[in-house]
Amino acid sequence: MAKKVTIYTSNTCGQCKMVKKILSMKGHNYDEVNIDESPDRHQEVVTLSGQQRVPVTVVEDDTTGTQSVITGYNPGQLMPALI
C-alpha cells in the first residue's frame, strides 16, 4: 500500500520540524511545501484544513485514493494514517 506524504510548513514553525523529524525517524519520504518560500500555495493549507497555520500533513493512499489531513504535530493521528 503506497502512501504519498506532503507537509505544508513555514521557516519558523517548530511543530513542522517535529513532524519532519518523526517522519524521517520512521523512514517515510515526504514532499515539503514551504509557504514562506511559495506563498501562492498558502491557500492550499486553508482549503485542506480550514486553518491558516501550519503544519498541515496530507497522507494520500495511492491504492484506495483516500486522503488524511493532519493539522499540527499530532503523532496519534499521523502514525495510523501512514499504515
N, C-alpha and C. Protein backbone atom coordinates (compact mmCIF):
# COMPACT_ATOMS: atom_id res chain seq x y z
N MET A 1 0.84 -1.17 0.00
CA MET A 1 0.00 0.00 0.00
C MET A 1 0.89 1.24 0.00
N ALA A 2 0.90 1.98 -1.08
CA ALA A 2 1.77 3.15 -1.22
C ALA A 2 1.10 4.39 -0.64
N LYS A 3 1.87 5.16 0.11
CA LYS A 3 1.37 6.39 0.72
C LYS A 3 2.24 7.56 0.25
N LYS A 4 1.59 8.63 -0.14
CA LYS A 4 2.30 9.85 -0.51
C LYS A 4 2.05 10.87 0.59
N VAL A 5 3.12 11.43 1.13
CA VAL A 5 3.02 12.37 2.24
C VAL A 5 3.49 13.75 1.78
N THR A 6 2.67 14.76 2.05
CA THR A 6 3.02 16.14 1.77
C THR A 6 2.86 16.94 3.06
N ILE A 7 3.89 17.72 3.40
CA ILE A 7 3.83 18.54 4.60
C ILE A 7 3.90 20.00 4.19
N TYR A 8 2.94 20.78 4.64
CA TYR A 8 2.96 22.23 4.45
C TYR A 8 3.61 22.83 5.68
N THR A 9 4.67 23.62 5.47
CA THR A 9 5.49 24.13 6.56
C THR A 9 5.75 25.63 6.36
N SER A 10 6.43 26.21 7.36
CA SER A 10 6.99 27.56 7.25
C SER A 10 8.37 27.54 7.90
N ASN A 11 9.12 28.60 7.66
CA ASN A 11 10.51 28.64 8.15
C ASN A 11 10.62 28.68 9.67
N THR A 12 9.64 29.24 10.35
CA THR A 12 9.74 29.45 11.80
C THR A 12 8.88 28.49 12.61
N CYS A 13 8.39 27.45 12.01
CA CYS A 13 7.43 26.54 12.64
C CYS A 13 8.14 25.39 13.36
N GLY A 14 8.11 25.42 14.69
CA GLY A 14 8.73 24.34 15.47
C GLY A 14 8.00 23.01 15.31
N GLN A 15 6.66 23.06 15.26
CA GLN A 15 5.90 21.82 15.09
C GLN A 15 6.18 21.18 13.74
N CYS A 16 6.44 22.01 12.72
CA CYS A 16 6.78 21.48 11.39
C CYS A 16 8.05 20.65 11.46
N LYS A 17 9.04 21.16 12.17
CA LYS A 17 10.30 20.44 12.32
C LYS A 17 10.09 19.11 13.03
N MET A 18 9.18 19.11 14.01
CA MET A 18 8.91 17.88 14.75
C MET A 18 8.21 16.84 13.86
N VAL A 19 7.29 17.29 13.00
CA VAL A 19 6.62 16.35 12.09
C VAL A 19 7.64 15.76 11.12
N LYS A 20 8.50 16.61 10.56
CA LYS A 20 9.52 16.12 9.62
C LYS A 20 10.47 15.15 10.32
N LYS A 21 10.81 15.44 11.57
CA LYS A 21 11.72 14.57 12.31
C LYS A 21 11.10 13.19 12.54
N ILE A 22 9.85 13.15 12.96
CA ILE A 22 9.22 11.85 13.23
C ILE A 22 9.07 11.05 11.94
N LEU A 23 8.76 11.71 10.83
CA LEU A 23 8.66 11.00 9.55
C LEU A 23 10.02 10.44 9.14
N SER A 24 11.06 11.23 9.30
CA SER A 24 12.41 10.77 8.95
C SER A 24 12.83 9.61 9.83
N MET A 25 12.54 9.71 11.13
CA MET A 25 12.91 8.64 12.07
C MET A 25 12.20 7.32 11.71
N LYS A 26 10.99 7.43 11.19
CA LYS A 26 10.22 6.24 10.83
C LYS A 26 10.48 5.80 9.39
N GLY A 27 11.36 6.53 8.68
CA GLY A 27 11.75 6.13 7.33
C GLY A 27 10.74 6.47 6.24
N HIS A 28 9.88 7.45 6.49
CA HIS A 28 8.88 7.84 5.49
C HIS A 28 9.39 9.02 4.68
N ASN A 29 9.31 8.91 3.37
CA ASN A 29 9.64 10.03 2.49
C ASN A 29 8.47 10.99 2.47
N TYR A 30 8.75 12.25 2.20
CA TYR A 30 7.68 13.25 2.12
C TYR A 30 8.10 14.38 1.20
N ASP A 31 7.09 15.05 0.67
CA ASP A 31 7.30 16.28 -0.08
C ASP A 31 6.99 17.43 0.86
N GLU A 32 7.77 18.49 0.77
CA GLU A 32 7.55 19.65 1.63
C GLU A 32 7.15 20.85 0.78
N VAL A 33 6.10 21.54 1.24
CA VAL A 33 5.68 22.79 0.62
C VAL A 33 5.85 23.87 1.68
N ASN A 34 6.88 24.70 1.51
CA ASN A 34 7.15 25.77 2.47
C ASN A 34 6.39 27.01 2.01
N ILE A 35 5.40 27.43 2.81
CA ILE A 35 4.56 28.55 2.38
C ILE A 35 5.27 29.90 2.48
N ASP A 36 6.40 29.96 3.20
CA ASP A 36 7.20 31.18 3.19
C ASP A 36 7.92 31.33 1.85
N GLU A 37 8.34 30.21 1.30
CA GLU A 37 9.05 30.21 0.02
C GLU A 37 8.11 30.14 -1.18
N SER A 38 6.90 29.62 -0.96
CA SER A 38 5.88 29.53 -2.02
C SER A 38 4.55 30.06 -1.47
N PRO A 39 4.46 31.38 -1.24
CA PRO A 39 3.26 31.94 -0.62
C PRO A 39 1.99 31.74 -1.44
N ASP A 40 2.15 31.53 -2.74
CA ASP A 40 0.98 31.28 -3.59
C ASP A 40 0.30 29.96 -3.24
N ARG A 41 0.95 29.10 -2.49
CA ARG A 41 0.38 27.80 -2.13
C ARG A 41 -0.27 27.80 -0.74
N HIS A 42 -0.27 28.95 -0.07
CA HIS A 42 -0.88 29.04 1.25
C HIS A 42 -2.37 28.73 1.21
N GLN A 43 -3.04 29.07 0.13
CA GLN A 43 -4.47 28.77 0.02
C GLN A 43 -4.74 27.27 0.09
N GLU A 44 -3.79 26.46 -0.33
CA GLU A 44 -3.94 25.00 -0.22
C GLU A 44 -4.08 24.59 1.24
N VAL A 45 -3.32 25.24 2.13
CA VAL A 45 -3.40 24.96 3.57
C VAL A 45 -4.82 25.23 4.06
N VAL A 46 -5.35 26.38 3.68
CA VAL A 46 -6.69 26.78 4.12
C VAL A 46 -7.74 25.83 3.55
N THR A 47 -7.61 25.48 2.28
CA THR A 47 -8.57 24.59 1.64
C THR A 47 -8.55 23.20 2.28
N LEU A 48 -7.36 22.69 2.56
CA LEU A 48 -7.23 21.35 3.13
C LEU A 48 -7.68 21.27 4.59
N SER A 49 -7.33 22.28 5.38
CA SER A 49 -7.51 22.18 6.83
C SER A 49 -8.54 23.14 7.40
N GLY A 50 -8.91 24.16 6.64
CA GLY A 50 -9.79 25.18 7.19
C GLY A 50 -9.07 26.12 8.14
N GLN A 51 -7.74 26.04 8.18
CA GLN A 51 -6.93 26.85 9.08
C GLN A 51 -5.89 27.63 8.29
N GLN A 52 -5.36 28.67 8.93
CA GLN A 52 -4.31 29.48 8.33
C GLN A 52 -2.91 28.97 8.67
N ARG A 53 -2.82 28.12 9.70
CA ARG A 53 -1.49 27.79 10.24
C ARG A 53 -0.99 26.43 9.77
N VAL A 54 0.31 26.27 9.90
CA VAL A 54 0.99 25.02 9.58
C VAL A 54 1.54 24.44 10.87
N PRO A 55 1.90 23.18 10.92
CA PRO A 55 1.97 22.24 9.82
C PRO A 55 0.61 21.64 9.48
N VAL A 56 0.49 21.32 8.22
CA VAL A 56 -0.61 20.51 7.72
C VAL A 56 0.03 19.37 6.96
N THR A 57 -0.26 18.15 7.37
CA THR A 57 0.31 16.97 6.74
C THR A 57 -0.80 16.22 6.02
N VAL A 58 -0.56 15.93 4.75
CA VAL A 58 -1.54 15.21 3.94
C VAL A 58 -0.96 13.85 3.59
N VAL A 59 -1.69 12.80 3.94
CA VAL A 59 -1.27 11.44 3.62
C VAL A 59 -2.29 10.88 2.63
N GLU A 60 -1.82 10.58 1.43
CA GLU A 60 -2.68 10.05 0.39
C GLU A 60 -2.33 8.59 0.14
N ASP A 61 -3.36 7.75 0.08
CA ASP A 61 -3.19 6.33 -0.21
C ASP A 61 -3.40 6.13 -1.70
N ASP A 62 -2.33 5.78 -2.41
CA ASP A 62 -2.40 5.60 -3.87
C ASP A 62 -3.32 4.45 -4.27
N THR A 63 -3.48 3.47 -3.39
CA THR A 63 -4.30 2.31 -3.71
C THR A 63 -5.79 2.62 -3.61
N THR A 64 -6.20 3.24 -2.50
CA THR A 64 -7.62 3.50 -2.28
C THR A 64 -8.06 4.90 -2.67
N GLY A 65 -7.10 5.81 -2.82
CA GLY A 65 -7.43 7.19 -3.15
C GLY A 65 -7.88 8.02 -1.96
N THR A 66 -7.82 7.44 -0.76
CA THR A 66 -8.23 8.19 0.43
C THR A 66 -7.14 9.17 0.84
N GLN A 67 -7.57 10.20 1.54
CA GLN A 67 -6.66 11.26 1.96
C GLN A 67 -6.92 11.59 3.42
N SER A 68 -5.85 11.63 4.21
CA SER A 68 -5.93 12.05 5.61
C SER A 68 -5.23 13.39 5.73
N VAL A 69 -5.88 14.33 6.42
CA VAL A 69 -5.29 15.65 6.65
C VAL A 69 -5.09 15.80 8.15
N ILE A 70 -3.83 15.98 8.56
CA ILE A 70 -3.49 16.09 9.97
C ILE A 70 -2.94 17.49 10.21
N THR A 71 -3.52 18.20 11.18
CA THR A 71 -3.06 19.54 11.49
C THR A 71 -2.20 19.50 12.75
N GLY A 72 -1.20 20.36 12.78
CA GLY A 72 -0.31 20.44 13.93
C GLY A 72 0.58 19.22 14.04
N TYR A 73 1.24 19.12 15.19
CA TYR A 73 2.06 17.95 15.49
C TYR A 73 1.18 16.99 16.26
N ASN A 74 0.73 15.94 15.59
CA ASN A 74 -0.22 15.02 16.18
C ASN A 74 0.14 13.59 15.79
N PRO A 75 1.15 13.00 16.47
CA PRO A 75 1.56 11.63 16.14
C PRO A 75 0.43 10.62 16.28
N GLY A 76 -0.53 10.88 17.18
CA GLY A 76 -1.64 9.98 17.37
C GLY A 76 -2.52 9.84 16.15
N GLN A 77 -2.56 10.86 15.32
CA GLN A 77 -3.30 10.80 14.06
C GLN A 77 -2.37 10.45 12.90
N LEU A 78 -1.15 10.95 12.95
CA LEU A 78 -0.21 10.77 11.84
C LEU A 78 0.20 9.31 11.66
N MET A 79 0.60 8.66 12.72
CA MET A 79 1.13 7.31 12.59
C MET A 79 0.10 6.33 12.04
N PRO A 80 -1.15 6.32 12.52
CA PRO A 80 -2.12 5.40 11.92
C PRO A 80 -2.39 5.71 10.44
N ALA A 81 -2.32 6.98 10.05
CA ALA A 81 -2.56 7.34 8.65
C ALA A 81 -1.46 6.79 7.75
N LEU A 82 -0.29 6.56 8.29
CA LEU A 82 0.84 6.07 7.49
C LEU A 82 0.83 4.56 7.31
N ILE A 83 0.01 3.86 8.07
CA ILE A 83 -0.03 2.40 8.00
C ILE A 83 -0.85 1.95 6.79
